[in-house]
Amino acid sequence: FRQAPGKEREFVAGISRSGGSTYYTDSVKGRFTISR
């Protein structure tokens, strides 16, 4: 998650236990990669 000044904390990316499923907020898709 991330929190910018004056804004609410927002979801950025998520990953399942095994790493088999990943999730991204629209604004970072194609730019950010979550892994474990």
PDB file of all heavy atoms in Angstrom:
ATOM      1  N   PHE A   1       0.848  -1.179   0.000  1.00  0.00           N
ATOM      2  CA  PHE A   1       0.000   0.000   0.000  1.00  0.00           C
ATOM      3  C   PHE A   1       0.883   1.228   0.000  1.00  0.00           C
ATOM      4  O   PHE A   1       2.060   1.155   0.342  1.00  0.00           O
ATOM      5  CB  PHE A   1      -0.914   0.017   1.228  1.00  0.00           C
ATOM      6  CG  PHE A   1      -1.971  -1.053   1.231  1.00  0.00           C
ATOM      7  CD1 PHE A   1      -1.656  -2.369   1.528  1.00  0.00           C
ATOM      8  CD2 PHE A   1      -3.290  -0.736   0.940  1.00  0.00           C
ATOM      9  CE1 PHE A   1      -2.628  -3.358   1.530  1.00  0.00           C
ATOM     10  CE2 PHE A   1      -4.278  -1.714   0.946  1.00  0.00           C
ATOM     11  CZ  PHE A   1      -3.938  -3.021   1.238  1.00  0.00           C
ATOM     12  N   ARG A   2       0.311   2.353  -0.367  1.00  0.00           N
ATOM     13  CA  ARG A   2       1.064   3.602  -0.312  1.00  0.00           C
ATOM     14  C   ARG A   2       0.156   4.730   0.156  1.00  0.00           C
ATOM     15  O   ARG A   2      -1.063   4.677   0.005  1.00  0.00           O
ATOM     16  CB  ARG A   2       1.683   3.954  -1.668  1.00  0.00           C
ATOM     17  CG  ARG A   2       0.673   4.295  -2.756  1.00  0.00           C
ATOM     18  CD  ARG A   2       1.365   4.447  -4.097  1.00  0.00           C
ATOM     19  NE  ARG A   2       0.427   4.758  -5.164  1.00  0.00           N
ATOM     20  CZ  ARG A   2       0.737   4.755  -6.454  1.00  0.00           C
ATOM     21  NH1 ARG A   2       1.975   4.457  -6.845  1.00  0.00           N
ATOM     22  NH2 ARG A   2      -0.184   5.055  -7.364  1.00  0.00           N
ATOM     23  N   GLN A   3       0.781   5.746   0.716  1.00  0.00           N
ATOM     24  CA  GLN A   3       0.043   6.893   1.199  1.00  0.00           C
ATOM     25  C   GLN A   3       0.788   8.165   0.820  1.00  0.00           C
ATOM     26  O   GLN A   3       1.910   8.394   1.261  1.00  0.00           O
ATOM     27  CB  GLN A   3      -0.151   6.825   2.713  1.00  0.00           C
ATOM     28  CG  GLN A   3      -1.070   7.897   3.258  1.00  0.00           C
ATOM     29  CD  GLN A   3      -1.512   7.606   4.677  1.00  0.00           C
ATOM     30  OE1 GLN A   3      -0.898   6.802   5.379  1.00  0.00           O
ATOM     31  NE2 GLN A   3      -2.578   8.249   5.098  1.00  0.00           N
ATOM     32  N   ALA A   4       0.152   8.969  -0.006  1.00  0.00           N
ATOM     33  CA  ALA A   4       0.697  10.253  -0.399  1.00  0.00           C
ATOM     34  C   ALA A   4       0.233  11.319   0.583  1.00  0.00           C
ATOM     35  O   ALA A   4      -0.792  11.150   1.260  1.00  0.00           O
ATOM     36  CB  ALA A   4       0.252  10.605  -1.815  1.00  0.00           C
ATOM     37  N   PRO A   5       0.957  12.430   0.678  1.00  0.00           N
ATOM     38  CA  PRO A   5       0.547  13.496   1.592  1.00  0.00           C
ATOM     39  C   PRO A   5      -0.874  13.963   1.324  1.00  0.00           C
ATOM     40  O   PRO A   5      -1.247  14.237   0.183  1.00  0.00           O
ATOM     41  CB  PRO A   5       1.557  14.609   1.305  1.00  0.00           C
ATOM     42  CG  PRO A   5       2.763  13.887   0.799  1.00  0.00           C
ATOM     43  CD  PRO A   5       2.222  12.735  -0.001  1.00  0.00           C
ATOM     44  N   GLY A   6      -1.670  14.026   2.374  1.00  0.00           N
ATOM     45  CA  GLY A   6      -3.035  14.489   2.257  1.00  0.00           C
ATOM     46  C   GLY A   6      -4.015  13.487   1.677  1.00  0.00           C
ATOM     47  O   GLY A   6      -5.180  13.835   1.467  1.00  0.00           O
ATOM     48  N   LYS A   7      -3.572  12.265   1.422  1.00  0.00           N
ATOM     49  CA  LYS A   7      -4.435  11.261   0.832  1.00  0.00           C
ATOM     50  C   LYS A   7      -4.565  10.044   1.741  1.00  0.00           C
ATOM     51  O   LYS A   7      -3.753   9.835   2.637  1.00  0.00           O
ATOM     52  CB  LYS A   7      -3.904  10.826  -0.535  1.00  0.00           C
ATOM     53  CG  LYS A   7      -3.899  11.919  -1.592  1.00  0.00           C
ATOM     54  CD  LYS A   7      -3.450  11.383  -2.935  1.00  0.00           C
ATOM     55  CE  LYS A   7      -3.491  12.454  -4.009  1.00  0.00           C
ATOM     56  NZ  LYS A   7      -3.058  11.920  -5.326  1.00  0.00           N
ATOM     57  N   GLU A   8      -5.589   9.255   1.476  1.00  0.00           N
ATOM     58  CA  GLU A   8      -5.776   8.011   2.200  1.00  0.00           C
ATOM     59  C   GLU A   8      -4.786   6.963   1.719  1.00  0.00           C
ATOM     60  O   GLU A   8      -4.316   7.002   0.579  1.00  0.00           O
ATOM     61  CB  GLU A   8      -7.201   7.495   2.004  1.00  0.00           C
ATOM     62  CG  GLU A   8      -8.289   8.418   2.522  1.00  0.00           C
ATOM     63  CD  GLU A   8      -8.314   8.475   4.027  1.00  0.00           C
ATOM     64  OE1 GLU A   8      -7.981   7.466   4.671  1.00  0.00           O
ATOM     65  OE2 GLU A   8      -8.675   9.536   4.561  1.00  0.00           O
ATOM     66  N   ARG A   9      -4.468   6.035   2.593  1.00  0.00           N
ATOM     67  CA  ARG A   9      -3.632   4.917   2.200  1.00  0.00           C
ATOM     68  C   ARG A   9      -4.374   4.076   1.167  1.00  0.00           C
ATOM     69  O   ARG A   9      -5.550   3.751   1.341  1.00  0.00           O
ATOM     70  CB  ARG A   9      -3.282   4.078   3.428  1.00  0.00           C
ATOM     71  CG  ARG A   9      -2.187   3.064   3.186  1.00  0.00           C
ATOM     72  CD  ARG A   9      -1.755   2.406   4.498  1.00  0.00           C
ATOM     73  NE  ARG A   9      -1.251   3.369   5.453  1.00  0.00           N
ATOM     74  CZ  ARG A   9      -0.751   3.055   6.645  1.00  0.00           C
ATOM     75  NH1 ARG A   9      -0.682   1.776   7.014  1.00  0.00           N
ATOM     76  NH2 ARG A   9      -0.322   4.006   7.452  1.00  0.00           N
ATOM     77  N   GLU A  10      -3.691   3.735   0.083  1.00  0.00           N
ATOM     78  CA  GLU A  10      -4.333   3.032  -1.014  1.00  0.00           C
ATOM     79  C   GLU A  10      -3.584   1.759  -1.386  1.00  0.00           C
ATOM     80  O   GLU A  10      -2.369   1.657  -1.244  1.00  0.00           O
ATOM     81  CB  GLU A  10      -4.450   3.936  -2.251  1.00  0.00           C
ATOM     82  CG  GLU A  10      -3.119   4.311  -2.877  1.00  0.00           C
ATOM     83  CD  GLU A  10      -3.269   5.082  -4.178  1.00  0.00           C
ATOM     84  OE1 GLU A  10      -4.405   5.183  -4.690  1.00  0.00           O
ATOM     85  OE2 GLU A  10      -2.253   5.581  -4.690  1.00  0.00           O
ATOM     86  N   PHE A  11      -4.341   0.823  -1.909  1.00  0.00           N
ATOM     87  CA  PHE A  11      -3.794  -0.440  -2.369  1.00  0.00           C
ATOM     88  C   PHE A  11      -2.948  -0.242  -3.608  1.00  0.00           C
ATOM     89  O   PHE A  11      -3.318   0.500  -4.520  1.00  0.00           O
ATOM     90  CB  PHE A  11      -4.939  -1.405  -2.667  1.00  0.00           C
ATOM     91  CG  PHE A  11      -4.524  -2.674  -3.340  1.00  0.00           C
ATOM     92  CD1 PHE A  11      -3.901  -3.687  -2.626  1.00  0.00           C
ATOM     93  CD2 PHE A  11      -4.768  -2.868  -4.684  1.00  0.00           C
ATOM     94  CE1 PHE A  11      -3.529  -4.865  -3.242  1.00  0.00           C
ATOM     95  CE2 PHE A  11      -4.403  -4.035  -5.314  1.00  0.00           C
ATOM     96  CZ  PHE A  11      -3.779  -5.037  -4.590  1.00  0.00           C
ATOM     97  N   VAL A  12      -1.811  -0.926  -3.665  1.00  0.00           N
ATOM     98  CA  VAL A  12      -0.934  -0.885  -4.825  1.00  0.00           C
ATOM     99  C   VAL A  12      -0.859  -2.249  -5.501  1.00  0.00           C
ATOM    100  O   VAL A  12      -1.105  -2.376  -6.699  1.00  0.00           O
ATOM    101  CB  VAL A  12       0.480  -0.414  -4.448  1.00  0.00           C
ATOM    102  CG1 VAL A  12       1.409  -0.465  -5.660  1.00  0.00           C
ATOM    103  CG2 VAL A  12       0.435   0.994  -3.873  1.00  0.00           C
ATOM    104  N   ALA A  13      -0.506  -3.279  -4.744  1.00  0.00           N
ATOM    105  CA  ALA A  13      -0.329  -4.611  -5.312  1.00  0.00           C
ATOM    106  C   ALA A  13      -0.499  -5.663  -4.238  1.00  0.00           C
ATOM    107  O   ALA A  13      -0.250  -5.413  -3.061  1.00  0.00           O
ATOM    108  CB  ALA A  13       1.056  -4.745  -5.960  1.00  0.00           C
ATOM    109  N   GLY A  14      -0.909  -6.855  -4.647  1.00  0.00           N
ATOM    110  CA  GLY A  14      -1.047  -7.968  -3.735  1.00  0.00           C
ATOM    111  C   GLY A  14      -0.568  -9.253  -4.373  1.00  0.00           C
ATOM    112  O   GLY A  14      -0.525  -9.367  -5.598  1.00  0.00           O
ATOM    113  N   ILE A  15      -0.220 -10.224  -3.538  1.00  0.00           N
ATOM    114  CA  ILE A  15       0.271 -11.502  -4.022  1.00  0.00           C
ATOM    115  C   ILE A  15      -0.176 -12.602  -3.071  1.00  0.00           C
ATOM    116  O   ILE A  15      -0.160 -12.434  -1.853  1.00  0.00           O
ATOM    117  CB  ILE A  15       1.808 -11.480  -4.196  1.00  0.00           C
ATOM    118  CG1 ILE A  15       2.309 -12.738  -4.903  1.00  0.00           C
ATOM    119  CG2 ILE A  15       2.505 -11.282  -2.847  1.00  0.00           C
ATOM    120  CD1 ILE A  15       3.748 -12.611  -5.390  1.00  0.00           C
ATOM    121  N   SER A  16      -0.578 -13.731  -3.638  1.00  0.00           N
ATOM    122  CA  SER A  16      -1.061 -14.844  -2.847  1.00  0.00           C
ATOM    123  C   SER A  16       0.088 -15.573  -2.156  1.00  0.00           C
ATOM    124  O   SER A  16       1.261 -15.318  -2.418  1.00  0.00           O
ATOM    125  CB  SER A  16      -1.845 -15.820  -3.728  1.00  0.00           C
ATOM    126  OG  SER A  16      -1.029 -16.341  -4.765  1.00  0.00           O
ATOM    127  N   ARG A  17      -0.268 -16.496  -1.277  1.00  0.00           N
ATOM    128  CA  ARG A  17       0.723 -17.193  -0.466  1.00  0.00           C
ATOM    129  C   ARG A  17       1.854 -17.811  -1.266  1.00  0.00           C
ATOM    130  O   ARG A  17       3.033 -17.672  -0.915  1.00  0.00           O
ATOM    131  CB  ARG A  17       0.050 -18.291   0.372  1.00  0.00           C
ATOM    132  CG  ARG A  17      -0.793 -17.800   1.521  1.00  0.00           C
ATOM    133  CD  ARG A  17      -1.380 -18.986   2.257  1.00  0.00           C
ATOM    134  NE  ARG A  17      -2.350 -19.713   1.439  1.00  0.00           N
ATOM    135  CZ  ARG A  17      -2.775 -20.937   1.693  1.00  0.00           C
ATOM    136  NH1 ARG A  17      -2.313 -21.606   2.746  1.00  0.00           N
ATOM    137  NH2 ARG A  17      -3.672 -21.508   0.905  1.00  0.00           N
ATOM    138  N   SER A  18       1.487 -18.505  -2.321  1.00  0.00           N
ATOM    139  CA  SER A  18       2.476 -19.195  -3.134  1.00  0.00           C
ATOM    140  C   SER A  18       3.102 -18.303  -4.199  1.00  0.00           C
ATOM    141  O   SER A  18       4.076 -18.702  -4.839  1.00  0.00           O
ATOM    142  CB  SER A  18       1.839 -20.402  -3.810  1.00  0.00           C
ATOM    143  OG  SER A  18       0.876 -19.998  -4.763  1.00  0.00           O
ATOM    144  N   GLY A  19       2.542 -17.123  -4.401  1.00  0.00           N
ATOM    145  CA  GLY A  19       2.990 -16.254  -5.467  1.00  0.00           C
ATOM    146  C   GLY A  19       2.297 -16.495  -6.793  1.00  0.00           C
ATOM    147  O   GLY A  19       2.619 -15.838  -7.782  1.00  0.00           O
ATOM    148  N   GLY A  20       1.333 -17.406  -6.819  1.00  0.00           N
ATOM    149  CA  GLY A  20       0.690 -17.768  -8.055  1.00  0.00           C
ATOM    150  C   GLY A  20      -0.320 -16.764  -8.581  1.00  0.00           C
ATOM    151  O   GLY A  20      -0.657 -16.805  -9.771  1.00  0.00           O
ATOM    152  N   SER A  21      -0.809 -15.884  -7.723  1.00  0.00           N
ATOM    153  CA  SER A  21      -1.781 -14.876  -8.127  1.00  0.00           C
ATOM    154  C   SER A  21      -1.297 -13.509  -7.695  1.00  0.00           C
ATOM    155  O   SER A  21      -0.836 -13.339  -6.562  1.00  0.00           O
ATOM    156  CB  SER A  21      -3.151 -15.155  -7.507  1.00  0.00           C
ATOM    157  OG  SER A  21      -3.658 -16.409  -7.926  1.00  0.00           O
ATOM    158  N   THR A  22      -1.398 -12.545  -8.592  1.00  0.00           N
ATOM    159  CA  THR A  22      -1.014 -11.174  -8.288  1.00  0.00           C
ATOM    160  C   THR A  22      -2.128 -10.216  -8.673  1.00  0.00           C
ATOM    161  O   THR A  22      -2.929 -10.500  -9.568  1.00  0.00           O
ATOM    162  CB  THR A  22       0.281 -10.773  -9.005  1.00  0.00           C
ATOM    163  OG1 THR A  22       0.110 -10.946 -10.418  1.00  0.00           O
ATOM    164  CG2 THR A  22       1.446 -11.637  -8.534  1.00  0.00           C
ATOM    165  N   TYR A  23      -2.148  -9.075  -8.005  1.00  0.00           N
ATOM    166  CA  TYR A  23      -3.202  -8.083  -8.193  1.00  0.00           C
ATOM    167  C   TYR A  23      -2.578  -6.699  -8.145  1.00  0.00           C
ATOM    168  O   TYR A  23      -1.669  -6.444  -7.356  1.00  0.00           O
ATOM    169  CB  TYR A  23      -4.260  -8.220  -7.096  1.00  0.00           C
ATOM    170  CG  TYR A  23      -4.783  -9.627  -6.949  1.00  0.00           C
ATOM    171  CD1 TYR A  23      -4.148 -10.537  -6.114  1.00  0.00           C
ATOM    172  CD2 TYR A  23      -5.901 -10.047  -7.661  1.00  0.00           C
ATOM    173  CE1 TYR A  23      -4.610 -11.840  -5.991  1.00  0.00           C
ATOM    174  CE2 TYR A  23      -6.369 -11.345  -7.539  1.00  0.00           C
ATOM    175  CZ  TYR A  23      -5.726 -12.235  -6.710  1.00  0.00           C
ATOM    176  OH  TYR A  23      -6.188 -13.525  -6.587  1.00  0.00           O
ATOM    177  N   TYR A  24      -3.087  -5.795  -8.981  1.00  0.00           N
ATOM    178  CA  TYR A  24      -2.545  -4.454  -9.062  1.00  0.00           C
ATOM    179  C   TYR A  24      -3.651  -3.430  -9.199  1.00  0.00           C
ATOM    180  O   TYR A  24      -4.681  -3.683  -9.833  1.00  0.00           O
ATOM    181  CB  TYR A  24      -1.614  -4.302 -10.271  1.00  0.00           C
ATOM    182  CG  TYR A  24      -0.438  -5.234 -10.258  1.00  0.00           C
ATOM    183  CD1 TYR A  24      -0.500  -6.471 -10.893  1.00  0.00           C
ATOM    184  CD2 TYR A  24       0.745  -4.872  -9.621  1.00  0.00           C
ATOM    185  CE1 TYR A  24       0.582  -7.331 -10.884  1.00  0.00           C
ATOM    186  CE2 TYR A  24       1.831  -5.731  -9.608  1.00  0.00           C
ATOM    187  CZ  TYR A  24       1.749  -6.954 -10.240  1.00  0.00           C
ATOM    188  OH  TYR A  24       2.825  -7.806 -10.232  1.00  0.00           O
ATOM    189  N   THR A  25      -3.433  -2.276  -8.618  1.00  0.00           N
ATOM    190  CA  THR A  25      -4.316  -1.163  -8.899  1.00  0.00           C
ATOM    191  C   THR A  25      -4.040  -0.677 -10.320  1.00  0.00           C
ATOM    192  O   THR A  25      -2.930  -0.813 -10.835  1.00  0.00           O
ATOM    193  CB  THR A  25      -4.119  -0.030  -7.871  1.00  0.00           C
ATOM    194  OG1 THR A  25      -5.169   0.930  -8.005  1.00  0.00           O
ATOM    195  CG2 THR A  25      -2.782   0.655  -8.049  1.00  0.00           C
ATOM    196  N   ASP A  26      -5.056  -0.126 -10.960  1.00  0.00           N
ATOM    197  CA  ASP A  26      -4.957   0.210 -12.379  1.00  0.00           C
ATOM    198  C   ASP A  26      -3.795   1.151 -12.690  1.00  0.00           C
ATOM    199  O   ASP A  26      -3.153   1.037 -13.741  1.00  0.00           O
ATOM    200  CB  ASP A  26      -6.261   0.838 -12.866  1.00  0.00           C
ATOM    201  CG  ASP A  26      -7.377  -0.166 -13.018  1.00  0.00           C
ATOM    202  OD1 ASP A  26      -7.097  -1.377 -13.041  1.00  0.00           O
ATOM    203  OD2 ASP A  26      -8.540   0.263 -13.121  1.00  0.00           O
ATOM    204  N   SER A  27      -3.509   2.073 -11.809  1.00  0.00           N
ATOM    205  CA  SER A  27      -2.517   3.095 -12.097  1.00  0.00           C
ATOM    206  C   SER A  27      -1.085   2.568 -12.172  1.00  0.00           C
ATOM    207  O   SER A  27      -0.203   3.264 -12.686  1.00  0.00           O
ATOM    208  CB  SER A  27      -2.589   4.218 -11.059  1.00  0.00           C
ATOM    209  OG  SER A  27      -2.262   3.744  -9.766  1.00  0.00           O
ATOM    210  N   VAL A  28      -0.834   1.353 -11.688  1.00  0.00           N
ATOM    211  CA  VAL A  28       0.526   0.814 -11.710  1.00  0.00           C
ATOM    212  C   VAL A  28       0.671  -0.397 -12.618  1.00  0.00           C
ATOM    213  O   VAL A  28       1.789  -0.904 -12.787  1.00  0.00           O
ATOM    214  CB  VAL A  28       1.029   0.453 -10.300  1.00  0.00           C
ATOM    215  CG1 VAL A  28       0.855   1.638  -9.355  1.00  0.00           C
ATOM    216  CG2 VAL A  28       0.321  -0.782  -9.752  1.00  0.00           C
ATOM    217  N   LYS A  29      -0.412  -0.860 -13.207  1.00  0.00           N
ATOM    218  CA  LYS A  29      -0.345  -2.024 -14.081  1.00  0.00           C
ATOM    219  C   LYS A  29       0.602  -1.767 -15.246  1.00  0.00           C
ATOM    220  O   LYS A  29       0.559  -0.721 -15.879  1.00  0.00           O
ATOM    221  CB  LYS A  29      -1.733  -2.383 -14.608  1.00  0.00           C
ATOM    222  CG  LYS A  29      -2.645  -2.991 -13.570  1.00  0.00           C
ATOM    223  CD  LYS A  29      -4.010  -3.328 -14.155  1.00  0.00           C
ATOM    224  CE  LYS A  29      -4.909  -3.960 -13.113  1.00  0.00           C
ATOM    225  NZ  LYS A  29      -6.269  -4.236 -13.654  1.00  0.00           N
ATOM    226  N   GLY A  30       1.455  -2.736 -15.506  1.00  0.00           N
ATOM    227  CA  GLY A  30       2.436  -2.606 -16.566  1.00  0.00           C
ATOM    228  C   GLY A  30       3.716  -1.939 -16.143  1.00  0.00           C
ATOM    229  O   GLY A  30       4.700  -1.957 -16.901  1.00  0.00           O
ATOM    230  N   ARG A  31       3.742  -1.337 -14.958  1.00  0.00           N
ATOM    231  CA  ARG A  31       4.931  -0.658 -14.458  1.00  0.00           C
ATOM    232  C   ARG A  31       5.508  -1.307 -13.207  1.00  0.00           C
ATOM    233  O   ARG A  31       6.722  -1.327 -13.027  1.00  0.00           O
ATOM    234  CB  ARG A  31       4.624   0.811 -14.154  1.00  0.00           C
ATOM    235  CG  ARG A  31       4.157   1.609 -15.361  1.00  0.00           C
ATOM    236  CD  ARG A  31       4.077   3.102 -15.044  1.00  0.00           C
ATOM    237  NE  ARG A  31       3.108   3.385 -13.984  1.00  0.00           N
ATOM    238  CZ  ARG A  31       3.412   3.950 -12.823  1.00  0.00           C
ATOM    239  NH1 ARG A  31       4.667   4.312 -12.565  1.00  0.00           N
ATOM    240  NH2 ARG A  31       2.467   4.188 -11.926  1.00  0.00           N
ATOM    241  N   PHE A  32       4.637  -1.811 -12.337  1.00  0.00           N
ATOM    242  CA  PHE A  32       5.064  -2.412 -11.078  1.00  0.00           C
ATOM    243  C   PHE A  32       4.892  -3.921 -11.144  1.00  0.00           C
ATOM    244  O   PHE A  32       3.958  -4.433 -11.775  1.00  0.00           O
ATOM    245  CB  PHE A  32       4.233  -1.892  -9.910  1.00  0.00           C
ATOM    246  CG  PHE A  32       4.467  -0.451  -9.540  1.00  0.00           C
ATOM    247  CD1 PHE A  32       5.190   0.409 -10.353  1.00  0.00           C
ATOM    248  CD2 PHE A  32       3.941   0.039  -8.356  1.00  0.00           C
ATOM    249  CE1 PHE A  32       5.393   1.729 -10.001  1.00  0.00           C
ATOM    250  CE2 PHE A  32       4.134   1.359  -7.988  1.00  0.00           C
ATOM    251  CZ  PHE A  32       4.859   2.209  -8.807  1.00  0.00           C
ATOM    252  N   THR A  33       5.762  -4.632 -10.454  1.00  0.00           N
ATOM    253  CA  THR A  33       5.665  -6.078 -10.345  1.00  0.00           C
ATOM    254  C   THR A  33       5.880  -6.499  -8.901  1.00  0.00           C
ATOM    255  O   THR A  33       6.903  -6.159  -8.298  1.00  0.00           O
ATOM    256  CB  THR A  33       6.697  -6.786 -11.232  1.00  0.00           C
ATOM    257  OG1 THR A  33       6.515  -6.396 -12.599  1.00  0.00           O
ATOM    258  CG2 THR A  33       6.529  -8.303 -11.132  1.00  0.00           C
ATOM    259  N   ILE A  34       4.921  -7.223  -8.348  1.00  0.00           N
ATOM    260  CA  ILE A  34       5.064  -7.773  -7.010  1.00  0.00           C
ATOM    261  C   ILE A  34       5.511  -9.223  -7.123  1.00  0.00           C
ATOM    262  O   ILE A  34       5.068  -9.954  -8.010  1.00  0.00           O
ATOM    263  CB  ILE A  34       3.753  -7.650  -6.205  1.00  0.00           C
ATOM    264  CG1 ILE A  34       3.961  -8.069  -4.747  1.00  0.00           C
ATOM    265  CG2 ILE A  34       2.625  -8.439  -6.852  1.00  0.00           C
ATOM    266  CD1 ILE A  34       2.762  -7.769  -3.848  1.00  0.00           C
ATOM    267  N   SER A  35       6.398  -9.632  -6.246  1.00  0.00           N
ATOM    268  CA  SER A  35       6.875 -11.004  -6.223  1.00  0.00           C
ATOM    269  C   SER A  35       7.243 -11.377  -4.797  1.00  0.00           C
ATOM    270  O   SER A  35       7.311 -10.516  -3.915  1.00  0.00           O
ATOM    271  CB  SER A  35       8.069 -11.191  -7.169  1.00  0.00           C
ATOM    272  OG  SER A  35       9.166 -10.388  -6.768  1.00  0.00           O
ATOM    273  N   ARG A  36       7.467 -12.652  -4.574  1.00  0.00           N
ATOM    274  CA  ARG A  36       7.875 -13.086  -3.241  1.00  0.00           C
ATOM    275  C   ARG A  36       8.812 -14.270  -3.342  1.00  0.00           C
ATOM    276  O   ARG A  36       8.776 -15.050  -4.297  1.00  0.00           O
ATOM    277  CB  ARG A  36       6.652 -13.426  -2.371  1.00  0.00           C
ATOM    278  CG  ARG A  36       5.864 -14.646  -2.821  1.00  0.00           C
ATOM    279  CD  ARG A  36       4.541 -14.742  -2.063  1.00  0.00           C
ATOM    280  NE  ARG A  36       4.733 -14.936  -0.633  1.00  0.00           N
ATOM    281  CZ  ARG A  36       3.786 -14.768   0.288  1.00  0.00           C
ATOM    282  NH1 ARG A  36       2.563 -14.374  -0.086  1.00  0.00           N
ATOM    283  NH2 ARG A  36       4.050 -14.971   1.572  1.00  0.00           N
TER     284      ARG A  36
END
